[in-house]
């Protein structure tokens, strides 16, 4: 857990990929990382999904 957020919660919005992280994830199988989306891919995915449902 990122204890810096206790005193500076604005880091979540201002620096989400650097100082604003909330937790670390430990993977049992490092090959699973191939199935994760990058930030832009996820943004596009959410946009497309919301567009289809409207």
N, C-alpha and C. Protein backbone atom coordinates (compact mmCIF):
# COMPACT_ATOMS: atom_id res chain seq x y z
N UNK A 1 0.85 -1.19 0.00
CA UNK A 1 0.00 0.00 0.00
C UNK A 1 0.89 1.24 0.00
N UNK A 2 0.45 2.25 -0.70
CA UNK A 2 1.20 3.48 -0.83
C UNK A 2 0.84 4.42 0.32
N UNK A 3 1.69 4.48 1.32
CA UNK A 3 1.41 5.31 2.50
C UNK A 3 1.51 6.81 2.21
N UNK A 4 2.14 7.20 1.10
CA UNK A 4 2.21 8.62 0.73
C UNK A 4 0.81 9.20 0.48
N UNK A 5 -0.13 8.36 0.10
CA UNK A 5 -1.48 8.84 -0.20
C UNK A 5 -2.22 9.32 1.03
N UNK A 6 -1.80 8.87 2.21
CA UNK A 6 -2.45 9.31 3.44
C UNK A 6 -2.33 10.82 3.61
N UNK A 7 -1.19 11.37 3.26
CA UNK A 7 -0.96 12.81 3.39
C UNK A 7 -1.16 13.57 2.09
N UNK A 8 -1.17 12.87 0.97
CA UNK A 8 -1.30 13.52 -0.33
C UNK A 8 -2.23 12.73 -1.25
N UNK A 9 -3.52 12.66 -0.93
CA UNK A 9 -4.43 11.88 -1.77
C UNK A 9 -4.57 12.42 -3.19
N UNK A 10 -4.19 13.66 -3.40
CA UNK A 10 -4.27 14.25 -4.74
C UNK A 10 -3.35 13.55 -5.74
N UNK A 11 -2.37 12.79 -5.24
CA UNK A 11 -1.48 12.05 -6.13
C UNK A 11 -2.25 11.07 -7.02
N UNK A 12 -3.38 10.57 -6.54
CA UNK A 12 -4.16 9.63 -7.33
C UNK A 12 -4.56 10.26 -8.67
N UNK A 13 -4.95 11.51 -8.64
CA UNK A 13 -5.35 12.22 -9.87
C UNK A 13 -4.17 12.87 -10.58
N UNK A 14 -3.24 13.37 -9.81
CA UNK A 14 -2.14 14.14 -10.41
C UNK A 14 -1.03 13.25 -10.98
N UNK A 15 -0.82 12.10 -10.39
CA UNK A 15 0.30 11.26 -10.78
C UNK A 15 -0.03 9.77 -10.61
N UNK A 16 -1.08 9.29 -11.31
CA UNK A 16 -1.54 7.93 -11.07
C UNK A 16 -0.53 6.83 -11.43
N UNK A 17 0.39 7.12 -12.34
CA UNK A 17 1.36 6.09 -12.75
C UNK A 17 2.70 6.24 -12.03
N UNK A 18 2.82 7.22 -11.17
CA UNK A 18 4.09 7.43 -10.47
C UNK A 18 3.86 7.46 -8.96
N UNK A 19 3.39 8.58 -8.43
CA UNK A 19 3.21 8.71 -6.98
C UNK A 19 1.83 8.28 -6.50
N UNK A 20 0.86 8.17 -7.41
CA UNK A 20 -0.52 7.93 -7.00
C UNK A 20 -0.97 6.48 -7.01
N UNK A 21 -0.05 5.56 -7.14
CA UNK A 21 -0.45 4.15 -7.13
C UNK A 21 -1.04 3.78 -5.77
N UNK A 22 -1.98 2.83 -5.77
CA UNK A 22 -2.65 2.44 -4.53
C UNK A 22 -2.18 1.09 -3.99
N UNK A 23 -1.86 0.18 -4.88
CA UNK A 23 -1.44 -1.14 -4.42
C UNK A 23 -0.54 -1.80 -5.44
N UNK A 24 0.16 -2.78 -5.00
CA UNK A 24 1.00 -3.59 -5.87
C UNK A 24 0.36 -4.96 -5.98
N UNK A 25 0.51 -5.55 -7.15
CA UNK A 25 -0.06 -6.87 -7.39
C UNK A 25 1.08 -7.84 -7.66
N UNK A 26 1.05 -8.95 -6.97
CA UNK A 26 2.03 -10.00 -7.23
C UNK A 26 1.32 -11.12 -7.98
N UNK A 27 1.86 -11.46 -9.13
CA UNK A 27 1.22 -12.47 -9.97
C UNK A 27 1.86 -13.82 -9.70
N UNK A 28 1.03 -14.85 -9.69
CA UNK A 28 1.53 -16.21 -9.56
C UNK A 28 2.20 -16.69 -10.84
N UNK A 29 1.68 -16.22 -11.97
CA UNK A 29 2.21 -16.63 -13.27
C UNK A 29 2.54 -15.36 -14.06
N UNK A 30 3.80 -15.05 -14.21
CA UNK A 30 4.20 -13.80 -14.88
C UNK A 30 3.78 -13.78 -16.35
N UNK A 31 3.50 -14.93 -16.94
CA UNK A 31 3.03 -14.96 -18.33
C UNK A 31 1.65 -14.33 -18.47
N UNK A 32 0.90 -14.24 -17.36
CA UNK A 32 -0.43 -13.63 -17.41
C UNK A 32 -0.38 -12.15 -17.76
N UNK A 33 0.77 -11.53 -17.58
CA UNK A 33 0.89 -10.09 -17.86
C UNK A 33 0.62 -9.80 -19.34
N UNK A 34 0.81 -10.79 -20.19
CA UNK A 34 0.54 -10.62 -21.62
C UNK A 34 -0.93 -10.33 -21.90
N UNK A 35 -1.80 -10.69 -20.97
CA UNK A 35 -3.24 -10.52 -21.17
C UNK A 35 -3.77 -9.20 -20.60
N UNK A 36 -2.90 -8.40 -19.99
CA UNK A 36 -3.33 -7.12 -19.44
C UNK A 36 -3.35 -6.05 -20.52
N UNK A 37 -4.22 -5.07 -20.35
CA UNK A 37 -4.30 -3.95 -21.29
C UNK A 37 -3.44 -2.79 -20.79
N UNK A 38 -2.88 -2.07 -21.71
CA UNK A 38 -2.21 -0.82 -21.38
C UNK A 38 -3.29 0.23 -21.13
N UNK A 39 -2.93 1.36 -20.55
CA UNK A 39 -3.90 2.40 -20.20
C UNK A 39 -4.72 2.84 -21.41
N UNK A 40 -4.09 3.08 -22.55
CA UNK A 40 -4.80 3.53 -23.76
C UNK A 40 -5.74 2.44 -24.26
N UNK A 41 -5.30 1.20 -24.23
CA UNK A 41 -6.16 0.09 -24.67
C UNK A 41 -7.40 0.01 -23.80
N UNK A 42 -7.21 0.17 -22.49
CA UNK A 42 -8.35 0.09 -21.58
C UNK A 42 -9.30 1.27 -21.79
N UNK A 43 -8.75 2.46 -21.99
CA UNK A 43 -9.57 3.64 -22.24
C UNK A 43 -10.41 3.44 -23.51
N UNK A 44 -9.78 2.94 -24.56
CA UNK A 44 -10.50 2.67 -25.81
C UNK A 44 -11.57 1.60 -25.61
N UNK A 45 -11.24 0.57 -24.86
CA UNK A 45 -12.19 -0.51 -24.58
C UNK A 45 -13.42 0.02 -23.84
N UNK A 46 -13.20 0.82 -22.81
CA UNK A 46 -14.32 1.37 -22.04
C UNK A 46 -15.15 2.30 -22.91
N UNK A 47 -14.51 3.13 -23.71
CA UNK A 47 -15.22 4.04 -24.60
C UNK A 47 -16.09 3.24 -25.57
N UNK A 48 -15.53 2.22 -26.17
CA UNK A 48 -16.28 1.40 -27.13
C UNK A 48 -17.44 0.69 -26.45
N UNK A 49 -17.21 0.15 -25.27
CA UNK A 49 -18.26 -0.56 -24.55
C UNK A 49 -19.39 0.40 -24.17
N UNK A 50 -19.06 1.58 -23.70
CA UNK A 50 -20.08 2.57 -23.33
C UNK A 50 -20.85 3.04 -24.56
N UNK A 51 -20.16 3.19 -25.67
CA UNK A 51 -20.81 3.63 -26.89
C UNK A 51 -21.83 2.61 -27.37
N UNK A 52 -21.48 1.33 -27.27
CA UNK A 52 -22.39 0.27 -27.71
C UNK A 52 -23.62 0.17 -26.82
N UNK A 53 -23.46 0.43 -25.54
CA UNK A 53 -24.57 0.29 -24.60
C UNK A 53 -25.49 1.50 -24.55
N UNK A 54 -25.11 2.60 -25.17
CA UNK A 54 -25.97 3.78 -25.14
C UNK A 54 -27.03 3.74 -26.20
